[in-house]
C-alpha atoms as a PDB file:
ATOM      1  CA  MET A   1      73.521-285.798 121.841  1.00  0.00           C
ATOM      2  CA  SER A   2      72.492-285.083 118.269  1.00  0.00           C
ATOM      3  CA  THR A   3      74.271-282.216 116.549  1.00  0.00           C
ATOM      4  CA  THR A   4      72.689-282.714 113.161  1.00  0.00           C
ATOM      5  CA  THR A   5      69.993-280.459 111.803  1.00  0.00           C
ATOM      6  CA  THR A   6      66.555-281.868 111.114  1.00  0.00           C
ATOM      7  CA  THR A   7      63.651-281.061 108.845  1.00  0.00           C
ATOM      8  CA  LEU A   8      60.290-279.831 110.119  1.00  0.00           C
ATOM      9  CA  LYS A   9      58.743-283.167 109.159  1.00  0.00           C
ATOM     10  CA  GLU A  10      61.383-285.081 111.120  1.00  0.00           C
ATOM     11  CA  ALA A  11      60.946-282.796 114.139  1.00  0.00           C
ATOM     12  CA  ILE A  12      57.192-283.409 114.193  1.00  0.00           C
ATOM     13  CA  ILE A  13      57.505-287.186 113.799  1.00  0.00           C
ATOM     14  CA  ASN A  14      60.418-287.627 116.226  1.00  0.00           C
ATOM     15  CA  ARG A  15      59.093-285.436 119.055  1.00  0.00           C
ATOM     16  CA  ARG A  16      58.289-287.726 121.947  1.00  0.00           C
ATOM     17  CA  SER A  17      57.703-287.647 125.689  1.00  0.00           C
ATOM     18  CA  ILE A  18      61.068-288.253 127.332  1.00  0.00           C
ATOM     19  CA  ARG A  19      60.340-288.475 131.060  1.00  0.00           C
ATOM     20  CA  LYS A  20      63.825-289.470 132.170  1.00  0.00           C
ATOM     21  CA  VAL A  21      66.460-286.893 131.360  1.00  0.00           C
ATOM     22  CA  LYS A  22      69.969-286.203 132.630  1.00  0.00           C
ATOM     23  CA  LYS A  23      72.460-283.399 132.799  1.00  0.00           C
ATOM     24  CA  ASN A  24      74.653-282.452 129.850  1.00  0.00           C
ATOM     25  CA  GLU A  25      77.016-279.492 129.884  1.00  0.00           C
ATOM     26  CA  ASN A  26      76.292-278.855 126.191  1.00  0.00           C
ATOM     27  CA  ILE A  27      72.702-277.881 127.035  1.00  0.00           C
ATOM     28  CA  THR A  28      73.487-274.311 128.004  1.00  0.00           C
ATOM     29  CA  LYS A  29      71.399-271.275 128.850  1.00  0.00           C
ATOM     30  CA  GLU A  30      72.506-269.733 125.553  1.00  0.00           C
ATOM     31  CA  ARG A  31      71.328-272.751 123.585  1.00  0.00           C
ATOM     32  CA  ILE A  32      67.937-272.800 125.328  1.00  0.00           C
ATOM     33  CA  ASN A  33      67.674-269.054 124.758  1.00  0.00           C
ATOM     34  CA  GLU A  34      67.960-269.596 120.999  1.00  0.00           C
ATOM     35  CA  VAL A  35      65.318-272.334 121.117  1.00  0.00           C
ATOM     36  CA  LEU A  36      62.926-269.966 122.903  1.00  0.00           C
ATOM     37  CA  LYS A  37      63.574-267.087 120.514  1.00  0.00           C
ATOM     38  CA  THR A  38      62.564-269.359 117.636  1.00  0.00           C
ATOM     39  CA  ALA A  39      59.522-270.797 119.415  1.00  0.00           C
ATOM     40  CA  LEU A  40      58.133-267.362 120.285  1.00  0.00           C
ATOM     41  CA  HIS A  41      57.174-267.074 116.615  1.00  0.00           C
ATOM     42  CA  ALA A  42      54.243-269.385 117.447  1.00  0.00           C
ATOM     43  CA  PRO A  43      50.957-267.661 116.571  1.00  0.00           C
ATOM     44  CA  THR A  44      48.412-266.183 118.965  1.00  0.00           C
ATOM     45  CA  SER A  45      44.877-264.921 118.291  1.00  0.00           C
ATOM     46  CA  PHE A  46      44.845-261.181 117.599  1.00  0.00           C
ATOM     47  CA  ASN A  47      48.628-261.401 118.148  1.00  0.00           C
ATOM     48  CA  MET A  48      47.749-261.130 121.837  1.00  0.00           C
ATOM     49  CA  GLN A  49      51.034-262.711 123.001  1.00  0.00           C
ATOM     50  CA  SER A  50      49.713-263.615 126.452  1.00  0.00           C
ATOM     51  CA  GLY A  51      52.238-266.414 127.014  1.00  0.00           C
ATOM     52  CA  ARG A  52      55.002-265.949 129.582  1.00  0.00           C
ATOM     53  CA  ILE A  53      57.934-268.280 130.194  1.00  0.00           C
ATOM     54  CA  VAL A  54      60.162-268.851 133.201  1.00  0.00           C
ATOM     55  CA  VAL A  55      63.193-271.101 132.695  1.00  0.00           C
ATOM     56  CA  LEU A  56      64.662-272.734 135.789  1.00  0.00           C
ATOM     57  CA  MET A  57      68.116-274.277 135.413  1.00  0.00           C
ATOM     58  CA  ASP A  58      70.582-276.098 137.627  1.00  0.00           C
ATOM     59  CA  ALA A  59      69.871-275.547 141.357  1.00  0.00           C
ATOM     60  CA  GLU A  60      66.667-273.594 140.695  1.00  0.00           C
ATOM     61  CA  HIS A  61      65.388-276.422 138.508  1.00  0.00           C
ATOM     62  CA  GLU A  62      66.177-278.953 141.262  1.00  0.00           C
ATOM     63  CA  LYS A  63      64.463-276.735 143.830  1.00  0.00           C
ATOM     64  CA  PHE A  64      61.315-276.722 141.676  1.00  0.00           C
ATOM     65  CA  TRP A  65      61.074-280.526 141.615  1.00  0.00           C
ATOM     66  CA  ASP A  66      61.751-280.661 145.361  1.00  0.00           C
ATOM     67  CA  ILE A  67      58.763-278.333 145.817  1.00  0.00           C
ATOM     68  CA  VAL A  68      56.611-280.626 143.667  1.00  0.00           C
ATOM     69  CA  LYS A  69      57.719-283.677 145.693  1.00  0.00           C
ATOM     70  CA  GLU A  70      56.985-282.093 149.058  1.00  0.00           C
ATOM     71  CA  THR A  71      53.648-280.728 147.830  1.00  0.00           C
ATOM     72  CA  LEU A  72      52.617-284.197 146.677  1.00  0.00           C
ATOM     73  CA  ARG A  73      53.851-286.001 149.815  1.00  0.00           C
ATOM     74  CA  PRO A  74      50.667-285.461 151.909  1.00  0.00           C
ATOM     75  CA  LEU A  75      48.417-286.011 148.877  1.00  0.00           C
ATOM     76  CA  VAL A  76      49.741-289.340 147.563  1.00  0.00           C
ATOM     77  CA  PRO A  77      49.099-292.583 149.515  1.00  0.00           C
ATOM     78  CA  GLU A  78      52.276-293.719 151.241  1.00  0.00           C
ATOM     79  CA  GLU A  79      52.360-297.006 149.328  1.00  0.00           C
ATOM     80  CA  ASN A  80      52.394-295.085 146.027  1.00  0.00           C
ATOM     81  CA  PHE A  81      54.784-292.327 147.023  1.00  0.00           C
ATOM     82  CA  GLY A  82      57.953-294.254 146.129  1.00  0.00           C
ATOM     83  CA  ALA A  83      56.831-294.523 142.499  1.00  0.00           C
ATOM     84  CA  THR A  84      55.949-290.825 142.513  1.00  0.00           C
ATOM     85  CA  VAL A  85      59.417-289.893 143.814  1.00  0.00           C
ATOM     86  CA  GLU A  86      61.058-292.064 141.156  1.00  0.00           C
ATOM     87  CA  ARG A  87      59.052-290.370 138.425  1.00  0.00           C
ATOM     88  CA  LEU A  88      59.884-286.904 139.732  1.00  0.00           C
ATOM     89  CA  GLN A  89      63.579-287.831 139.986  1.00  0.00           C
ATOM     90  CA  GLY A  90      63.553-288.520 136.242  1.00  0.00           C
ATOM     91  CA  PHE A  91      62.622-284.864 135.744  1.00  0.00           C
ATOM     92  CA  ARG A  92      64.912-283.485 138.477  1.00  0.00           C
ATOM     93  CA  ASP A  93      67.971-285.245 137.018  1.00  0.00           C
ATOM     94  CA  GLY A  94      67.710-283.046 133.914  1.00  0.00           C
ATOM     95  CA  VAL A  95      69.192-279.659 133.067  1.00  0.00           C
ATOM     96  CA  GLY A  96      66.196-277.407 133.499  1.00  0.00           C
ATOM     97  CA  THR A  97      62.450-276.842 133.399  1.00  0.00           C
ATOM     98  CA  VAL A  98      60.377-274.454 131.322  1.00  0.00           C
ATOM     99  CA  LEU A  99      57.368-273.074 133.204  1.00  0.00           C
ATOM    100  CA  PHE A 100      54.529-271.918 130.968  1.00  0.00           C
ATOM    101  CA  PHE A 101      52.287-269.112 132.192  1.00  0.00           C
ATOM    102  CA  GLU A 102      49.462-267.066 130.703  1.00  0.00           C
ATOM    103  CA  ASN A 103      49.285-263.386 131.624  1.00  0.00           C
ATOM    104  CA  GLN A 104      45.654-262.854 132.642  1.00  0.00           C
ATOM    105  CA  GLU A 105      46.157-259.094 132.529  1.00  0.00           C
ATOM    106  CA  THR A 106      46.796-259.408 128.776  1.00  0.00           C
ATOM    107  CA  VAL A 107      43.632-261.503 128.368  1.00  0.00           C
ATOM    108  CA  LYS A 108      41.622-258.904 130.285  1.00  0.00           C
ATOM    109  CA  GLN A 109      43.060-256.092 128.167  1.00  0.00           C
ATOM    110  CA  MET A 110      42.151-257.939 124.959  1.00  0.00           C
ATOM    111  CA  GLN A 111      38.598-258.427 126.262  1.00  0.00           C
ATOM    112  CA  GLU A 112      38.330-254.686 126.834  1.00  0.00           C
ATOM    113  CA  ASN A 113      39.824-253.836 123.440  1.00  0.00           C
ATOM    114  CA  ALA A 114      37.582-256.227 121.491  1.00  0.00           C
ATOM    115  CA  PRO A 115      34.441-256.700 123.633  1.00  0.00           C
ATOM    116  CA  SER A 116      32.506-258.533 120.908  1.00  0.00           C
ATOM    117  CA  TYR A 117      35.005-261.414 121.300  1.00  0.00           C
ATOM    118  CA  LYS A 118      35.188-261.163 125.098  1.00  0.00           C
ATOM    119  CA  GLU A 119      34.055-264.746 125.771  1.00  0.00           C
ATOM    120  CA  ASN A 120      36.609-266.178 123.355  1.00  0.00           C
ATOM    121  CA  PHE A 121      39.835-264.705 124.694  1.00  0.00           C
ATOM    122  CA  PRO A 122      40.303-267.156 127.624  1.00  0.00           C
ATOM    123  CA  ASN A 123      40.034-270.081 125.171  1.00  0.00           C
ATOM    124  CA  TRP A 124      42.287-268.358 122.658  1.00  0.00           C
ATOM    125  CA  SER A 125      44.815-267.773 125.428  1.00  0.00           C
ATOM    126  CA  GLN A 126      44.899-271.521 126.163  1.00  0.00           C
ATOM    127  CA  GLN A 127      45.222-272.323 122.456  1.00  0.00           C
ATOM    128  CA  GLY A 128      48.122-269.903 122.140  1.00  0.00           C
ATOM    129  CA  SER A 129      49.818-271.513 125.129  1.00  0.00           C
ATOM    130  CA  ALA A 130      49.401-274.954 123.566  1.00  0.00           C
ATOM    131  CA  MET A 131      51.020-273.790 120.325  1.00  0.00           C
ATOM    132  CA  LEU A 132      53.893-272.218 122.257  1.00  0.00           C
ATOM    133  CA  GLN A 133      54.398-275.426 124.246  1.00  0.00           C
ATOM    134  CA  TYR A 134      54.447-277.457 121.051  1.00  0.00           C
ATOM    135  CA  ALA A 135      56.826-275.059 119.295  1.00  0.00           C
ATOM    136  CA  ILE A 136      59.288-275.251 122.192  1.00  0.00           C
ATOM    137  CA  TRP A 137      58.946-279.024 122.459  1.00  0.00           C
ATOM    138  CA  MET A 138      59.593-279.528 118.743  1.00  0.00           C
ATOM    139  CA  SER A 139      62.518-277.096 118.829  1.00  0.00           C
ATOM    140  CA  LEU A 140      64.092-278.941 121.761  1.00  0.00           C
ATOM    141  CA  SER A 141      63.532-282.278 120.040  1.00  0.00           C
ATOM    142  CA  ALA A 142      65.133-280.987 116.837  1.00  0.00           C
ATOM    143  CA  GLU A 143      68.203-280.108 118.951  1.00  0.00           C
ATOM    144  CA  GLY A 144      68.380-283.633 120.355  1.00  0.00           C
ATOM    145  CA  ILE A 145      67.146-282.464 123.761  1.00  0.00           C
ATOM    146  CA  GLY A 146      64.641-284.670 125.582  1.00  0.00           C
ATOM    147  CA  ALA A 147      61.532-283.145 127.154  1.00  0.00           C
ATOM    148  CA  SER A 148      58.030-283.930 128.353  1.00  0.00           C
ATOM    149  CA  LEU A 149      55.002-281.862 129.321  1.00  0.00           C
ATOM    150  CA  GLN A 150      53.816-282.044 132.939  1.00  0.00           C
ATOM    151  CA  HIS A 151      50.867-280.527 134.818  1.00  0.00           C
ATOM    152  CA  TYR A 152      51.429-280.311 138.549  1.00  0.00           C
ATOM    153  CA  ASN A 153      49.485-277.067 138.741  1.00  0.00           C
ATOM    154  CA  PRO A 154      47.392-275.784 140.465  1.00  0.00           C
ATOM    155  CA  ILE A 155      48.640-277.439 143.677  1.00  0.00           C
ATOM    156  CA  ILE A 156      52.129-275.917 143.309  1.00  0.00           C
ATOM    157  CA  ASP A 157      51.083-272.490 142.023  1.00  0.00           C
ATOM    158  CA  GLN A 158      51.256-270.515 145.250  1.00  0.00           C
ATOM    159  CA  GLU A 159      54.689-271.718 146.328  1.00  0.00           C
ATOM    160  CA  VAL A 160      56.094-271.327 142.813  1.00  0.00           C
ATOM    161  CA  LYS A 161      54.895-267.728 142.649  1.00  0.00           C
ATOM    162  CA  GLN A 162      56.370-266.934 146.057  1.00  0.00           C
ATOM    163  CA  THR A 163      59.678-268.716 145.430  1.00  0.00           C
ATOM    164  CA  TRP A 164      60.429-267.038 142.109  1.00  0.00           C
ATOM    165  CA  ASN A 165      58.525-263.777 142.606  1.00  0.00           C
ATOM    166  CA  ILE A 166      56.080-264.490 139.776  1.00  0.00           C
ATOM    167  CA  PRO A 167      53.515-261.730 139.086  1.00  0.00           C
ATOM    168  CA  GLY A 168      50.093-262.516 140.553  1.00  0.00           C
ATOM    169  CA  GLU A 169      48.316-262.136 137.211  1.00  0.00           C
ATOM    170  CA  TRP A 170      50.375-264.920 135.623  1.00  0.00           C
ATOM    171  CA  SER A 171      48.615-268.292 135.771  1.00  0.00           C
ATOM    172  CA  LEU A 172      50.707-271.474 135.587  1.00  0.00           C
ATOM    173  CA  ILE A 173      49.679-273.736 132.705  1.00  0.00           C
ATOM    174  CA  ALA A 174      52.330-276.468 132.389  1.00  0.00           C
ATOM    175  CA  GLN A 175      55.893-277.513 133.136  1.00  0.00           C
ATOM    176  CA  MET A 176      58.458-278.935 130.686  1.00  0.00           C
ATOM    177  CA  PRO A 177      61.554-280.572 132.223  1.00  0.00           C
ATOM    178  CA  PHE A 178      64.373-281.042 129.717  1.00  0.00           C
ATOM    179  CA  GLY A 179      67.836-282.550 129.416  1.00  0.00           C
ATOM    180  CA  GLU A 180      69.777-285.230 127.616  1.00  0.00           C
ATOM    181  CA  PRO A 181      67.461-288.188 126.934  1.00  0.00           C
ATOM    182  CA  ASN A 182      67.991-290.947 129.492  1.00  0.00           C
ATOM    183  CA  GLU A 183      65.453-293.453 128.169  1.00  0.00           C
ATOM    184  CA  GLU A 184      64.125-294.784 124.907  1.00  0.00           C
ATOM    185  CA  ALA A 185      60.691-293.462 124.070  1.00  0.00           C
ATOM    186  CA  GLY A 186      57.962-296.086 123.874  1.00  0.00           C
ATOM    187  CA  GLU A 187      56.056-296.908 120.720  1.00  0.00           C
ATOM    188  CA  ARG A 188      53.193-294.611 119.812  1.00  0.00           C
ATOM    189  CA  THR A 189      49.868-295.844 118.495  1.00  0.00           C
ATOM    190  CA  PHE A 190      47.539-293.883 116.263  1.00  0.00           C
ATOM    191  CA  LEU A 191      43.876-293.997 115.358  1.00  0.00           C
ATOM    192  CA  PRO A 192      43.207-294.920 111.730  1.00  0.00           C
ATOM    193  CA  PHE A 193      43.917-291.889 109.547  1.00  0.00           C
ATOM    194  CA  GLU A 194      40.476-292.180 107.930  1.00  0.00           C
ATOM    195  CA  ASP A 195      38.766-291.920 111.330  1.00  0.00           C
ATOM    196  CA  VAL A 196      40.540-288.670 112.095  1.00  0.00           C
ATOM    197  CA  VAL A 197      40.752-286.894 108.716  1.00  0.00           C
ATOM    198  CA  LYS A 198      37.819-286.358 106.359  1.00  0.00           C
ATOM    199  CA  PHE A 199      38.069-284.945 102.863  1.00  0.00           C
ATOM    200  CA  TYR A 200      35.063-283.556 100.961  1.00  0.00           C
END
């Protein structure tokens, strides 16, 4: 587990999808709390702050991945289910999971407050969520904590809301299991810089 500080550039370059994580007693609620406090500085359009976060740790985290497994069981062909279970176990073996939500009541309120931008607020809400996800992911990575971004919604939404008493107006966007890295990240490939970036 890394205890060294890192620069912003290093955090951006070194952030990777770590899909197999494991428990580590040094990854505490207090430490994750500090990560989240920093990440909440991520920007949102009109400072709308529609993002909501639920952090599941320990037994609650394991319960979440059990829900995902049982929800997928009737949907995945039996011959493929073993691989699915193995993948989910890589998440479940970790310390916790961050659930990302968007508060649709906030979006609706923004639409009423600024009606000339009404059509844009749902998209801006998603963009704000993406920046929050990235800020948390980079912050975890900078702490030496492995994470990946998963999307098992909407099939799990109803049971998740019932299990953890989530407000009805919160919509689940993504899930980020985290823990001590338990695999080496694969190599990344990139499009040619010139194909992506244009200067005029």
